[in-house]
Amino acid sequence: MSEKHLHEVVDEIKYLIDQGKANDALPLTHLLLSHYPRYIQGYQLLAEIALEEGYTIDAIEVLQRILSADPENFVAHAGLAVAFKNKEQAEDALWHIQRAFEMEPRLPQVREEVRQISKL
């Protein structure tokens, strides 16, 4: 995969996820990661697919691996907040959404998520 091809593959994966075809994006994401095993955005996409398809435990595992490589990864913290919220683990969800909020306090979606999780 060339650099241009990498971005085209990422765009195609995002498009499939946005179209509600996350499961169709999975093989492409695995191919991407086989060529670029340290590409964090690829793992973020893999976690997004897992969340979309209801594989919360798999998403948590991938997102935690992202954080082990990049402890200040906004997407991983936000994704873990959603995953733990799905598992009804409010304390863990709140901790991660607060970390995400510390990184991006101006995003209205994050502020709303903090408010929603705080009510759990």
PDB file of N, CA and C in Angstrom:
ATOM      1  N   MET A   1       0.850  -1.187   0.000  1.00  0.00           N
ATOM      2  CA  MET A   1       0.000   0.000   0.000  1.00  0.00           C
ATOM      3  C   MET A   1       0.889   1.242   0.000  1.00  0.00           C
ATOM      4  N   SER A   2       0.653   2.108  -0.917  1.00  0.00           N
ATOM      5  CA  SER A   2       1.378   3.376  -0.941  1.00  0.00           C
ATOM      6  C   SER A   2       0.684   4.364  -0.005  1.00  0.00           C
ATOM      7  N   GLU A   3       1.339   5.497   0.235  1.00  0.00           N
ATOM      8  CA  GLU A   3       0.759   6.521   1.108  1.00  0.00           C
ATOM      9  C   GLU A   3      -0.607   6.973   0.595  1.00  0.00           C
ATOM     10  N   LYS A   4      -0.700   7.200  -0.716  1.00  0.00           N
ATOM     11  CA  LYS A   4      -1.978   7.612  -1.293  1.00  0.00           C
ATOM     12  C   LYS A   4      -3.006   6.495  -1.122  1.00  0.00           C
ATOM     13  N   HIS A   5      -2.567   5.285  -1.364  1.00  0.00           N
ATOM     14  CA  HIS A   5      -3.465   4.151  -1.232  1.00  0.00           C
ATOM     15  C   HIS A   5      -3.942   4.011   0.208  1.00  0.00           C
ATOM     16  N   LEU A   6      -3.060   4.266   1.166  1.00  0.00           N
ATOM     17  CA  LEU A   6      -3.416   4.207   2.584  1.00  0.00           C
ATOM     18  C   LEU A   6      -4.602   5.130   2.862  1.00  0.00           C
ATOM     19  N   HIS A   7      -4.513   6.364   2.406  1.00  0.00           N
ATOM     20  CA  HIS A   7      -5.595   7.320   2.662  1.00  0.00           C
ATOM     21  C   HIS A   7      -6.878   6.929   1.934  1.00  0.00           C
ATOM     22  N   GLU A   8      -6.743   6.359   0.758  1.00  0.00           N
ATOM     23  CA  GLU A   8      -7.934   5.890   0.038  1.00  0.00           C
ATOM     24  C   GLU A   8      -8.608   4.747   0.787  1.00  0.00           C
ATOM     25  N   VAL A   9      -7.818   3.839   1.329  1.00  0.00           N
ATOM     26  CA  VAL A   9      -8.370   2.716   2.093  1.00  0.00           C
ATOM     27  C   VAL A   9      -9.060   3.225   3.355  1.00  0.00           C
ATOM     28  N   VAL A  10      -8.415   4.152   4.046  1.00  0.00           N
ATOM     29  CA  VAL A  10      -9.018   4.729   5.250  1.00  0.00           C
ATOM     30  C   VAL A  10     -10.337   5.417   4.901  1.00  0.00           C
ATOM     31  N   ASP A  11     -10.357   6.170   3.816  1.00  0.00           N
ATOM     32  CA  ASP A  11     -11.588   6.844   3.384  1.00  0.00           C
ATOM     33  C   ASP A  11     -12.682   5.827   3.063  1.00  0.00           C
ATOM     34  N   GLU A  12     -12.308   4.728   2.421  1.00  0.00           N
ATOM     35  CA  GLU A  12     -13.298   3.700   2.090  1.00  0.00           C
ATOM     36  C   GLU A  12     -13.856   3.049   3.355  1.00  0.00           C
ATOM     37  N   ILE A  13     -12.995   2.781   4.320  1.00  0.00           N
ATOM     38  CA  ILE A  13     -13.441   2.197   5.592  1.00  0.00           C
ATOM     39  C   ILE A  13     -14.414   3.152   6.285  1.00  0.00           C
ATOM     40  N   LYS A  14     -14.052   4.416   6.354  1.00  0.00           N
ATOM     41  CA  LYS A  14     -14.925   5.416   6.992  1.00  0.00           C
ATOM     42  C   LYS A  14     -16.262   5.503   6.263  1.00  0.00           C
ATOM     43  N   TYR A  15     -16.219   5.477   4.944  1.00  0.00           N
ATOM     44  CA  TYR A  15     -17.445   5.540   4.153  1.00  0.00           C
ATOM     45  C   TYR A  15     -18.355   4.347   4.481  1.00  0.00           C
ATOM     46  N   LEU A  16     -17.784   3.151   4.516  1.00  0.00           N
ATOM     47  CA  LEU A  16     -18.578   1.962   4.825  1.00  0.00           C
ATOM     48  C   LEU A  16     -19.198   2.059   6.221  1.00  0.00           C
ATOM     49  N   ILE A  17     -18.423   2.535   7.182  1.00  0.00           N
ATOM     50  CA  ILE A  17     -18.949   2.694   8.544  1.00  0.00           C
ATOM     51  C   ILE A  17     -20.097   3.699   8.539  1.00  0.00           C
ATOM     52  N   ASP A  18     -19.895   4.833   7.877  1.00  0.00           N
ATOM     53  CA  ASP A  18     -20.931   5.870   7.808  1.00  0.00           C
ATOM     54  C   ASP A  18     -22.202   5.387   7.116  1.00  0.00           C
ATOM     55  N   GLN A  19     -22.054   4.439   6.187  1.00  0.00           N
ATOM     56  CA  GLN A  19     -23.206   3.902   5.460  1.00  0.00           C
ATOM     57  C   GLN A  19     -23.890   2.759   6.207  1.00  0.00           C
ATOM     58  N   GLY A  20     -23.438   2.494   7.436  1.00  0.00           N
ATOM     59  CA  GLY A  20     -24.038   1.413   8.213  1.00  0.00           C
ATOM     60  C   GLY A  20     -23.552   0.040   7.792  1.00  0.00           C
ATOM     61  N   LYS A  21     -22.415  -0.008   7.123  1.00  0.00           N
ATOM     62  CA  LYS A  21     -21.856  -1.271   6.641  1.00  0.00           C
ATOM     63  C   LYS A  21     -20.525  -1.552   7.336  1.00  0.00           C
ATOM     64  N   ALA A  22     -20.528  -1.385   8.650  1.00  0.00           N
ATOM     65  CA  ALA A  22     -19.295  -1.568   9.418  1.00  0.00           C
ATOM     66  C   ALA A  22     -18.732  -2.968   9.242  1.00  0.00           C
ATOM     67  N   ASN A  23     -19.603  -3.957   9.187  1.00  0.00           N
ATOM     68  CA  ASN A  23     -19.139  -5.336   9.036  1.00  0.00           C
ATOM     69  C   ASN A  23     -18.402  -5.524   7.704  1.00  0.00           C
ATOM     70  N   ASP A  24     -18.828  -4.812   6.657  1.00  0.00           N
ATOM     71  CA  ASP A  24     -18.149  -4.887   5.363  1.00  0.00           C
ATOM     72  C   ASP A  24     -16.772  -4.215   5.410  1.00  0.00           C
ATOM     73  N   ALA A  25     -16.594  -3.304   6.349  1.00  0.00           N
ATOM     74  CA  ALA A  25     -15.317  -2.599   6.483  1.00  0.00           C
ATOM     75  C   ALA A  25     -14.286  -3.420   7.247  1.00  0.00           C
ATOM     76  N   LEU A  26     -14.722  -4.447   7.944  1.00  0.00           N
ATOM     77  CA  LEU A  26     -13.816  -5.218   8.789  1.00  0.00           C
ATOM     78  C   LEU A  26     -12.663  -5.872   8.016  1.00  0.00           C
ATOM     79  N   PRO A  27     -12.915  -6.593   6.913  1.00  0.00           N
ATOM     80  CA  PRO A  27     -11.785  -7.203   6.189  1.00  0.00           C
ATOM     81  C   PRO A  27     -10.797  -6.163   5.656  1.00  0.00           C
ATOM     82  N   LEU A  28     -11.312  -5.040   5.219  1.00  0.00           N
ATOM     83  CA  LEU A  28     -10.451  -3.977   4.713  1.00  0.00           C
ATOM     84  C   LEU A  28      -9.590  -3.400   5.843  1.00  0.00           C
ATOM     85  N   THR A  29     -10.171  -3.293   7.023  1.00  0.00           N
ATOM     86  CA  THR A  29      -9.435  -2.784   8.179  1.00  0.00           C
ATOM     87  C   THR A  29      -8.334  -3.765   8.582  1.00  0.00           C
ATOM     88  N   HIS A  30      -8.641  -5.058   8.558  1.00  0.00           N
ATOM     89  CA  HIS A  30      -7.615  -6.064   8.857  1.00  0.00           C
ATOM     90  C   HIS A  30      -6.485  -6.022   7.821  1.00  0.00           C
ATOM     91  N   LEU A  31      -6.830  -5.823   6.557  1.00  0.00           N
ATOM     92  CA  LEU A  31      -5.819  -5.700   5.506  1.00  0.00           C
ATOM     93  C   LEU A  31      -4.930  -4.484   5.768  1.00  0.00           C
ATOM     94  N   LEU A  32      -5.556  -3.369   6.090  1.00  0.00           N
ATOM     95  CA  LEU A  32      -4.825  -2.141   6.404  1.00  0.00           C
ATOM     96  C   LEU A  32      -3.830  -2.392   7.540  1.00  0.00           C
ATOM     97  N   LEU A  33      -4.315  -3.032   8.612  1.00  0.00           N
ATOM     98  CA  LEU A  33      -3.452  -3.262   9.772  1.00  0.00           C
ATOM     99  C   LEU A  33      -2.377  -4.311   9.489  1.00  0.00           C
ATOM    100  N   SER A  34      -2.613  -5.216   8.548  1.00  0.00           N
ATOM    101  CA  SER A  34      -1.571  -6.184   8.198  1.00  0.00           C
ATOM    102  C   SER A  34      -0.408  -5.496   7.482  1.00  0.00           C
ATOM    103  N   HIS A  35      -0.705  -4.427   6.757  1.00  0.00           N
ATOM    104  CA  HIS A  35       0.351  -3.665   6.078  1.00  0.00           C
ATOM    105  C   HIS A  35       0.964  -2.595   6.984  1.00  0.00           C
ATOM    106  N   TYR A  36       0.153  -2.064   7.887  1.00  0.00           N
ATOM    107  CA  TYR A  36       0.599  -0.993   8.791  1.00  0.00           C
ATOM    108  C   TYR A  36       0.222  -1.356  10.233  1.00  0.00           C
ATOM    109  N   PRO A  37       0.946  -2.284  10.841  1.00  0.00           N
ATOM    110  CA  PRO A  37       0.556  -2.774  12.169  1.00  0.00           C
ATOM    111  C   PRO A  37       0.698  -1.752  13.297  1.00  0.00           C
ATOM    112  N   ARG A  38       1.342  -0.643  13.042  1.00  0.00           N
ATOM    113  CA  ARG A  38       1.490   0.394  14.081  1.00  0.00           C
ATOM    114  C   ARG A  38       0.653   1.637  13.777  1.00  0.00           C
ATOM    115  N   TYR A  39      -0.255   1.516  12.844  1.00  0.00           N
ATOM    116  CA  TYR A  39      -1.078   2.650  12.417  1.00  0.00           C
ATOM    117  C   TYR A  39      -2.259   2.804  13.373  1.00  0.00           C
ATOM    118  N   ILE A  40      -2.139   3.745  14.286  1.00  0.00           N
ATOM    119  CA  ILE A  40      -3.130   3.910  15.354  1.00  0.00           C
ATOM    120  C   ILE A  40      -4.522   4.178  14.800  1.00  0.00           C
ATOM    121  N   GLN A  41      -4.626   4.972  13.745  1.00  0.00           N
ATOM    122  CA  GLN A  41      -5.944   5.259  13.185  1.00  0.00           C
ATOM    123  C   GLN A  41      -6.622   3.974  12.705  1.00  0.00           C
ATOM    124  N   GLY A  42      -5.851   3.015  12.246  1.00  0.00           N
ATOM    125  CA  GLY A  42      -6.422   1.731  11.849  1.00  0.00           C
ATOM    126  C   GLY A  42      -7.075   1.016  13.027  1.00  0.00           C
ATOM    127  N   TYR A  43      -6.426   1.078  14.172  1.00  0.00           N
ATOM    128  CA  TYR A  43      -6.995   0.468  15.375  1.00  0.00           C
ATOM    129  C   TYR A  43      -8.221   1.240  15.857  1.00  0.00           C
ATOM    130  N   GLN A  44      -8.189   2.554  15.687  1.00  0.00           N
ATOM    131  CA  GLN A  44      -9.364   3.354  16.039  1.00  0.00           C
ATOM    132  C   GLN A  44     -10.554   2.947  15.175  1.00  0.00           C
ATOM    133  N   LEU A  45     -10.300   2.722  13.897  1.00  0.00           N
ATOM    134  CA  LEU A  45     -11.366   2.276  12.999  1.00  0.00           C
ATOM    135  C   LEU A  45     -11.851   0.883  13.381  1.00  0.00           C
ATOM    136  N   LEU A  46     -10.928   0.014  13.755  1.00  0.00           N
ATOM    137  CA  LEU A  46     -11.298  -1.330  14.185  1.00  0.00           C
ATOM    138  C   LEU A  46     -12.193  -1.268  15.425  1.00  0.00           C
ATOM    139  N   ALA A  47     -11.850  -0.404  16.369  1.00  0.00           N
ATOM    140  CA  ALA A  47     -12.667  -0.242  17.573  1.00  0.00           C
ATOM    141  C   ALA A  47     -14.040   0.338  17.229  1.00  0.00           C
ATOM    142  N   GLU A  48     -14.071   1.286  16.304  1.00  0.00           N
ATOM    143  CA  GLU A  48     -15.349   1.869  15.888  1.00  0.00           C
ATOM    144  C   GLU A  48     -16.249   0.804  15.260  1.00  0.00           C
ATOM    145  N   ILE A  49     -15.659  -0.042  14.438  1.00  0.00           N
ATOM    146  CA  ILE A  49     -16.423  -1.131  13.829  1.00  0.00           C
ATOM    147  C   ILE A  49     -16.963  -2.056  14.921  1.00  0.00           C
ATOM    148  N   ALA A  50     -16.118  -2.405  15.877  1.00  0.00           N
ATOM    149  CA  ALA A  50     -16.549  -3.284  16.968  1.00  0.00           C
ATOM    150  C   ALA A  50     -17.709  -2.664  17.740  1.00  0.00           C
ATOM    151  N   LEU A  51     -17.621  -1.375  18.026  1.00  0.00           N
ATOM    152  CA  LEU A  51     -18.723  -0.703  18.732  1.00  0.00           C
ATOM    153  C   LEU A  51     -19.996  -0.691  17.892  1.00  0.00           C
ATOM    154  N   GLU A  52     -19.860  -0.381  16.612  1.00  0.00           N
ATOM    155  CA  GLU A  52     -21.019  -0.337  15.711  1.00  0.00           C
ATOM    156  C   GLU A  52     -21.702  -1.695  15.612  1.00  0.00           C
ATOM    157  N   GLU A  53     -20.911  -2.759  15.628  1.00  0.00           N
ATOM    158  CA  GLU A  53     -21.446  -4.110  15.473  1.00  0.00           C
ATOM    159  C   GLU A  53     -21.855  -4.734  16.810  1.00  0.00           C
ATOM    160  N   GLY A  54     -21.672  -4.003  17.899  1.00  0.00           N
ATOM    161  CA  GLY A  54     -22.091  -4.495  19.217  1.00  0.00           C
ATOM    162  C   GLY A  54     -21.076  -5.385  19.910  1.00  0.00           C
ATOM    163  N   TYR A  55     -19.846  -5.383  19.438  1.00  0.00           N
ATOM    164  CA  TYR A  55     -18.782  -6.166  20.069  1.00  0.00           C
ATOM    165  C   TYR A  55     -18.043  -5.287  21.076  1.00  0.00           C
ATOM    166  N   THR A  56     -18.729  -4.965  22.150  1.00  0.00           N
ATOM    167  CA  THR A  56     -18.219  -4.012  23.133  1.00  0.00           C
ATOM    168  C   THR A  56     -16.931  -4.483  23.778  1.00  0.00           C
ATOM    169  N   ILE A  57     -16.852  -5.737  24.141  1.00  0.00           N
ATOM    170  CA  ILE A  57     -15.646  -6.243  24.802  1.00  0.00           C
ATOM    171  C   ILE A  57     -14.444  -6.154  23.858  1.00  0.00           C
ATOM    172  N   ASP A  58     -14.642  -6.496  22.590  1.00  0.00           N
ATOM    173  CA  ASP A  58     -13.556  -6.375  21.607  1.00  0.00           C
ATOM    174  C   ASP A  58     -13.135  -4.919  21.444  1.00  0.00           C
ATOM    175  N   ALA A  59     -14.105  -4.022  21.413  1.00  0.00           N
ATOM    176  CA  ALA A  59     -13.797  -2.595  21.279  1.00  0.00           C
ATOM    177  C   ALA A  59     -12.975  -2.122  22.473  1.00  0.00           C
ATOM    178  N   ILE A  60     -13.365  -2.544  23.663  1.00  0.00           N
ATOM    179  CA  ILE A  60     -12.630  -2.147  24.865  1.00  0.00           C
ATOM    180  C   ILE A  60     -11.185  -2.625  24.785  1.00  0.00           C
ATOM    181  N   GLU A  61     -10.995  -3.852  24.353  1.00  0.00           N
ATOM    182  CA  GLU A  61      -9.640  -4.400  24.247  1.00  0.00           C
ATOM    183  C   GLU A  61      -8.792  -3.582  23.277  1.00  0.00           C
ATOM    184  N   VAL A  62      -9.329  -3.270  22.117  1.00  0.00           N
ATOM    185  CA  VAL A  62      -8.586  -2.501  21.116  1.00  0.00           C
ATOM    186  C   VAL A  62      -8.303  -1.082  21.631  1.00  0.00           C
ATOM    187  N   LEU A  63      -9.297  -0.452  22.227  1.00  0.00           N
ATOM    188  CA  LEU A  63      -9.124   0.915  22.715  1.00  0.00           C
ATOM    189  C   LEU A  63      -8.103   0.975  23.855  1.00  0.00           C
ATOM    190  N   GLN A  64      -8.087  -0.026  24.703  1.00  0.00           N
ATOM    191  CA  GLN A  64      -7.086  -0.052  25.769  1.00  0.00           C
ATOM    192  C   GLN A  64      -5.677  -0.239  25.200  1.00  0.00           C
ATOM    193  N   ARG A  65      -5.562  -1.013  24.126  1.00  0.00           N
ATOM    194  CA  ARG A  65      -4.254  -1.171  23.472  1.00  0.00           C
ATOM    195  C   ARG A  65      -3.802   0.159  22.874  1.00  0.00           C
ATOM    196  N   ILE A  66      -4.751   0.901  22.309  1.00  0.00           N
ATOM    197  CA  ILE A  66      -4.408   2.222  21.771  1.00  0.00           C
ATOM    198  C   ILE A  66      -3.862   3.107  22.886  1.00  0.00           C
ATOM    199  N   LEU A  67      -4.540   3.090  24.033  1.00  0.00           N
ATOM    200  CA  LEU A  67      -4.089   3.924  25.148  1.00  0.00           C
ATOM    201  C   LEU A  67      -2.732   3.487  25.688  1.00  0.00           C
ATOM    202  N   SER A  68      -2.408   2.210  25.577  1.00  0.00           N
ATOM    203  CA  SER A  68      -1.084   1.774  26.033  1.00  0.00           C
ATOM    204  C   SER A  68       0.007   2.354  25.138  1.00  0.00           C
ATOM    205  N   ALA A  69      -0.311   2.599  23.876  1.00  0.00           N
ATOM    206  CA  ALA A  69       0.639   3.208  22.948  1.00  0.00           C
ATOM    207  C   ALA A  69       0.585   4.735  22.998  1.00  0.00           C
ATOM    208  N   ASP A  70      -0.599   5.266  23.260  1.00  0.00           N
ATOM    209  CA  ASP A  70      -0.809   6.720  23.259  1.00  0.00           C
ATOM    210  C   ASP A  70      -1.791   7.068  24.371  1.00  0.00           C
ATOM    211  N   PRO A  71      -1.286   7.291  25.596  1.00  0.00           N
ATOM    212  CA  PRO A  71      -2.166   7.516  26.750  1.00  0.00           C
ATOM    213  C   PRO A  71      -3.077   8.743  26.643  1.00  0.00           C
ATOM    214  N   GLU A  72      -2.781   9.630  25.719  1.00  0.00           N
ATOM    215  CA  GLU A  72      -3.604  10.831  25.572  1.00  0.00           C
ATOM    216  C   GLU A  72      -4.379  10.817  24.267  1.00  0.00           C
ATOM    217  N   ASN A  73      -4.792   9.642  23.844  1.00  0.00           N
ATOM    218  CA  ASN A  73      -5.549   9.512  22.606  1.00  0.00           C
ATOM    219  C   ASN A  73      -7.023   9.824  22.886  1.00  0.00           C
ATOM    220  N   PHE A  74      -7.467  10.936  22.355  1.00  0.00           N
ATOM    221  CA  PHE A  74      -8.841  11.389  22.573  1.00  0.00           C
ATOM    222  C   PHE A  74      -9.863  10.357  22.118  1.00  0.00           C
ATOM    223  N   VAL A  75      -9.671   9.820  20.913  1.00  0.00           N
ATOM    224  CA  VAL A  75     -10.632   8.872  20.349  1.00  0.00           C
ATOM    225  C   VAL A  75     -10.753   7.636  21.234  1.00  0.00           C
ATOM    226  N   ALA A  76      -9.631   7.160  21.761  1.00  0.00           N
ATOM    227  CA  ALA A  76      -9.667   5.976  22.624  1.00  0.00           C
ATOM    228  C   ALA A  76     -10.429   6.259  23.911  1.00  0.00           C
ATOM    229  N   HIS A  77     -10.189   7.410  24.518  1.00  0.00           N
ATOM    230  CA  HIS A  77     -10.915   7.738  25.751  1.00  0.00           C
ATOM    231  C   HIS A  77     -12.413   7.900  25.482  1.00  0.00           C
ATOM    232  N   ALA A  78     -12.745   8.600  24.415  1.00  0.00           N
ATOM    233  CA  ALA A  78     -14.156   8.786  24.077  1.00  0.00           C
ATOM    234  C   ALA A  78     -14.810   7.444  23.746  1.00  0.00           C
ATOM    235  N   GLY A  79     -14.112   6.609  22.998  1.00  0.00           N
ATOM    236  CA  GLY A  79     -14.638   5.289  22.657  1.00  0.00           C
ATOM    237  C   GLY A  79     -14.821   4.406  23.872  1.00  0.00           C
ATOM    238  N   LEU A  80     -13.871   4.457  24.805  1.00  0.00           N
ATOM    239  CA  LEU A  80     -14.015   3.675  26.033  1.00  0.00           C
ATOM    240  C   LEU A  80     -15.186   4.173  26.867  1.00  0.00           C
ATOM    241  N   ALA A  81     -15.413   5.474  26.860  1.00  0.00           N
ATOM    242  CA  ALA A  81     -16.574   6.005  27.584  1.00  0.00           C
ATOM    243  C   ALA A  81     -17.860   5.415  27.015  1.00  0.00           C
ATOM    244  N   VAL A  82     -17.972   5.367  25.704  1.00  0.00           N
ATOM    245  CA  VAL A  82     -19.157   4.800  25.056  1.00  0.00           C
ATOM    246  C   VAL A  82     -19.261   3.304  25.365  1.00  0.00           C
ATOM    247  N   ALA A  83     -18.145   2.602  25.252  1.00  0.00           N
ATOM    248  CA  ALA A  83     -18.155   1.157  25.481  1.00  0.00           C
ATOM    249  C   ALA A  83     -18.561   0.824  26.919  1.00  0.00           C
ATOM    250  N   PHE A  84     -17.983   1.533  27.875  1.00  0.00           N
ATOM    251  CA  PHE A  84     -18.331   1.266  29.273  1.00  0.00           C
ATOM    252  C   PHE A  84     -19.763   1.704  29.581  1.00  0.00           C
ATOM    253  N   LYS A  85     -20.217   2.748  28.922  1.00  0.00           N
ATOM    254  CA  LYS A  85     -21.618   3.161  29.074  1.00  0.00           C
ATOM    255  C   LYS A  85     -22.536   2.042  28.562  1.00  0.00           C
ATOM    256  N   ASN A  86     -22.177   1.448  27.416  1.00  0.00           N
ATOM    257  CA  ASN A  86     -22.950   0.333  26.865  1.00  0.00           C
ATOM    258  C   ASN A  86     -22.997  -0.854  27.820  1.00  0.00           C
ATOM    259  N   LYS A  87     -21.914  -1.055  28.565  1.00  0.00           N
ATOM    260  CA  LYS A  87     -21.846  -2.163  29.521  1.00  0.00           C
ATOM    261  C   LYS A  87     -22.409  -1.769  30.886  1.00  0.00           C
ATOM    262  N   GLU A  88     -22.942  -0.554  30.969  1.00  0.00           N
ATOM    263  CA  GLU A  88     -23.521  -0.013  32.196  1.00  0.00           C
ATOM    264  C   GLU A  88     -22.500   0.049  33.331  1.00  0.00           C
ATOM    265  N   GLN A  89     -21.271   0.397  32.973  1.00  0.00           N
ATOM    266  CA  GLN A  89     -20.209   0.609  33.946  1.00  0.00           C
ATOM    267  C   GLN A  89     -19.955   2.112  34.021  1.00  0.00           C
ATOM    268  N   ALA A  90     -20.852   2.775  34.743  1.00  0.00           N
ATOM    269  CA  ALA A  90     -20.879   4.236  34.766  1.00  0.00           C
ATOM    270  C   ALA A  90     -19.583   4.846  35.288  1.00  0.00           C
ATOM    271  N   GLU A  91     -18.995   4.252  36.301  1.00  0.00           N
ATOM    272  CA  GLU A  91     -17.782   4.831  36.884  1.00  0.00           C
ATOM    273  C   GLU A  91     -16.635   4.850  35.870  1.00  0.00           C
ATOM    274  N   ASP A  92     -16.431   3.734  35.168  1.00  0.00           N
ATOM    275  CA  ASP A  92     -15.386   3.680  34.140  1.00  0.00           C
ATOM    276  C   ASP A  92     -15.718   4.599  32.973  1.00  0.00           C
ATOM    277  N   ALA A  93     -16.983   4.636  32.569  1.00  0.00           N
ATOM    278  CA  ALA A  93     -17.408   5.507  31.471  1.00  0.00           C
ATOM    279  C   ALA A  93     -17.147   6.968  31.823  1.00  0.00           C
ATOM    280  N   LEU A  94     -17.490   7.343  33.042  1.00  0.00           N
ATOM    281  CA  LEU A  94     -17.297   8.732  33.472  1.00  0.00           C
ATOM    282  C   LEU A  94     -15.814   9.095  33.507  1.00  0.00           C
ATOM    283  N   TRP A  95     -14.979   8.185  33.986  1.00  0.00           N
ATOM    284  CA  TRP A  95     -13.544   8.461  34.061  1.00  0.00           C
ATOM    285  C   TRP A  95     -12.995   8.754  32.666  1.00  0.00           C
ATOM    286  N   HIS A  96     -13.366   7.930  31.694  1.00  0.00           N
ATOM    287  CA  HIS A  96     -12.823   8.108  30.341  1.00  0.00           C
ATOM    288  C   HIS A  96     -13.413   9.329  29.645  1.00  0.00           C
ATOM    289  N   ILE A  97     -14.672   9.615  29.845  1.00  0.00           N
ATOM    290  CA  ILE A  97     -15.237  10.802  29.187  1.00  0.00           C
ATOM    291  C   ILE A  97     -14.657  12.071  29.809  1.00  0.00           C
ATOM    292  N   GLN A  98     -14.326  12.015  31.078  1.00  0.00           N
ATOM    293  CA  GLN A  98     -13.676  13.168  31.707  1.00  0.00           C
ATOM    294  C   GLN A  98     -12.282  13.386  31.120  1.00  0.00           C
ATOM    295  N   ARG A  99     -11.546  12.297  30.836  1.00  0.00           N
ATOM    296  CA  ARG A  99     -10.232  12.436  30.191  1.00  0.00           C
ATOM    297  C   ARG A  99     -10.411  13.036  28.803  1.00  0.00           C
ATOM    298  N   ALA A 100     -11.414  12.567  28.071  1.00  0.00           N
ATOM    299  CA  ALA A 100     -11.677  13.113  26.739  1.00  0.00           C
ATOM    300  C   ALA A 100     -12.038  14.597  26.835  1.00  0.00           C
ATOM    301  N   PHE A 101     -12.835  14.948  27.826  1.00  0.00           N
ATOM    302  CA  PHE A 101     -13.245  16.335  28.025  1.00  0.00           C
ATOM    303  C   PHE A 101     -12.034  17.221  28.341  1.00  0.00           C
ATOM    304  N   GLU A 102     -11.099  16.705  29.129  1.00  0.00           N
ATOM    305  CA  GLU A 102      -9.891  17.472  29.439  1.00  0.00           C
ATOM    306  C   GLU A 102      -9.103  17.801  28.169  1.00  0.00           C
ATOM    307  N   MET A 103      -9.146  16.881  27.190  1.00  0.00           N
ATOM    308  CA  MET A 103      -8.407  17.080  25.945  1.00  0.00           C
ATOM    309  C   MET A 103      -9.152  17.982  24.959  1.00  0.00           C
ATOM    310  N   GLU A 104     -10.463  17.864  24.936  1.00  0.00           N
ATOM    311  CA  GLU A 104     -11.281  18.616  23.966  1.00  0.00           C
ATOM    312  C   GLU A 104     -12.499  19.238  24.662  1.00  0.00           C
ATOM    313  N   PRO A 105     -12.276  20.204  25.557  1.00  0.00           N
ATOM    314  CA  PRO A 105     -13.395  20.759  26.335  1.00  0.00           C
ATOM    315  C   PRO A 105     -14.413  21.553  25.517  1.00  0.00           C
ATOM    316  N   ARG A 106     -14.053  21.934  24.316  1.00  0.00           N
ATOM    317  CA  ARG A 106     -14.965  22.763  23.509  1.00  0.00           C
ATOM    318  C   ARG A 106     -15.930  21.953  22.657  1.00  0.00           C
ATOM    319  N   LEU A 107     -15.721  20.655  22.556  1.00  0.00           N
ATOM    320  CA  LEU A 107     -16.617  19.842  21.726  1.00  0.00           C
ATOM    321  C   LEU A 107     -17.953  19.636  22.430  1.00  0.00           C
ATOM    322  N   PRO A 108     -19.042  20.103  21.828  1.00  0.00           N
ATOM    323  CA  PRO A 108     -20.345  19.970  22.482  1.00  0.00           C
ATOM    324  C   PRO A 108     -20.759  18.517  22.701  1.00  0.00           C
ATOM    325  N   GLN A 109     -20.346  17.606  21.807  1.00  0.00           N
ATOM    326  CA  GLN A 109     -20.703  16.194  21.966  1.00  0.00           C
ATOM    327  C   GLN A 109     -20.082  15.624  23.235  1.00  0.00           C
ATOM    328  N   VAL A 110     -18.873  16.051  23.540  1.00  0.00           N
ATOM    329  CA  VAL A 110     -18.189  15.550  24.739  1.00  0.00           C
ATOM    330  C   VAL A 110     -18.868  16.096  25.984  1.00  0.00           C
ATOM    331  N   ARG A 111     -19.191  17.382  25.967  1.00  0.00           N
ATOM    332  CA  ARG A 111     -19.893  17.965  27.126  1.00  0.00           C
ATOM    333  C   ARG A 111     -21.217  17.266  27.360  1.00  0.00           C
ATOM    334  N   GLU A 112     -21.942  16.972  26.291  1.00  0.00           N
ATOM    335  CA  GLU A 112     -23.232  16.287  26.406  1.00  0.00           C
ATOM    336  C   GLU A 112     -23.043  14.873  26.960  1.00  0.00           C
ATOM    337  N   GLU A 113     -22.018  14.200  26.497  1.00  0.00           N
ATOM    338  CA  GLU A 113     -21.750  12.831  26.967  1.00  0.00           C
ATOM    339  C   GLU A 113     -21.383  12.843  28.453  1.00  0.00           C
ATOM    340  N   VAL A 114     -20.606  13.826  28.884  1.00  0.00           N
ATOM    341  CA  VAL A 114     -20.270  13.958  30.313  1.00  0.00           C
ATOM    342  C   VAL A 114     -21.558  14.098  31.119  1.00  0.00           C
ATOM    343  N   ARG A 115     -22.460  14.955  30.640  1.00  0.00           N
ATOM    344  CA  ARG A 115     -23.726  15.170  31.341  1.00  0.00           C
ATOM    345  C   ARG A 115     -24.554  13.892  31.400  1.00  0.00           C
ATOM    346  N   GLN A 116     -24.645  13.171  30.285  1.00  0.00           N
ATOM    347  CA  GLN A 116     -25.443  11.942  30.245  1.00  0.00           C
ATOM    348  C   GLN A 116     -24.865  10.861  31.144  1.00  0.00           C
ATOM    349  N   ILE A 117     -23.554  10.673  31.084  1.00  0.00           N
ATOM    350  CA  ILE A 117     -22.927   9.632  31.903  1.00  0.00           C
ATOM    351  C   ILE A 117     -23.013   9.985  33.377  1.00  0.00           C
ATOM    352  N   SER A 118     -22.915  11.255  33.710  1.00  0.00           N
ATOM    353  CA  SER A 118     -23.023  11.665  35.101  1.00  0.00           C
ATOM    354  C   SER A 118     -24.368  11.313  35.717  1.00  0.00           C
ATOM    355  N   LYS A 119     -25.392  11.175  34.881  1.00  0.00           N
ATOM    356  CA  LYS A 119     -26.742  10.848  35.355  1.00  0.00           C
ATOM    357  C   LYS A 119     -26.935   9.364  35.614  1.00  0.00           C
ATOM    358  N   LEU A 120     -26.000   8.518  35.140  1.00  0.00           N
ATOM    359  CA  LEU A 120     -26.157   7.065  35.295  1.00  0.00           C
ATOM    360  C   LEU A 120     -26.030   6.636  36.734  1.00  0.00           C
TER     361      LEU A 120
END
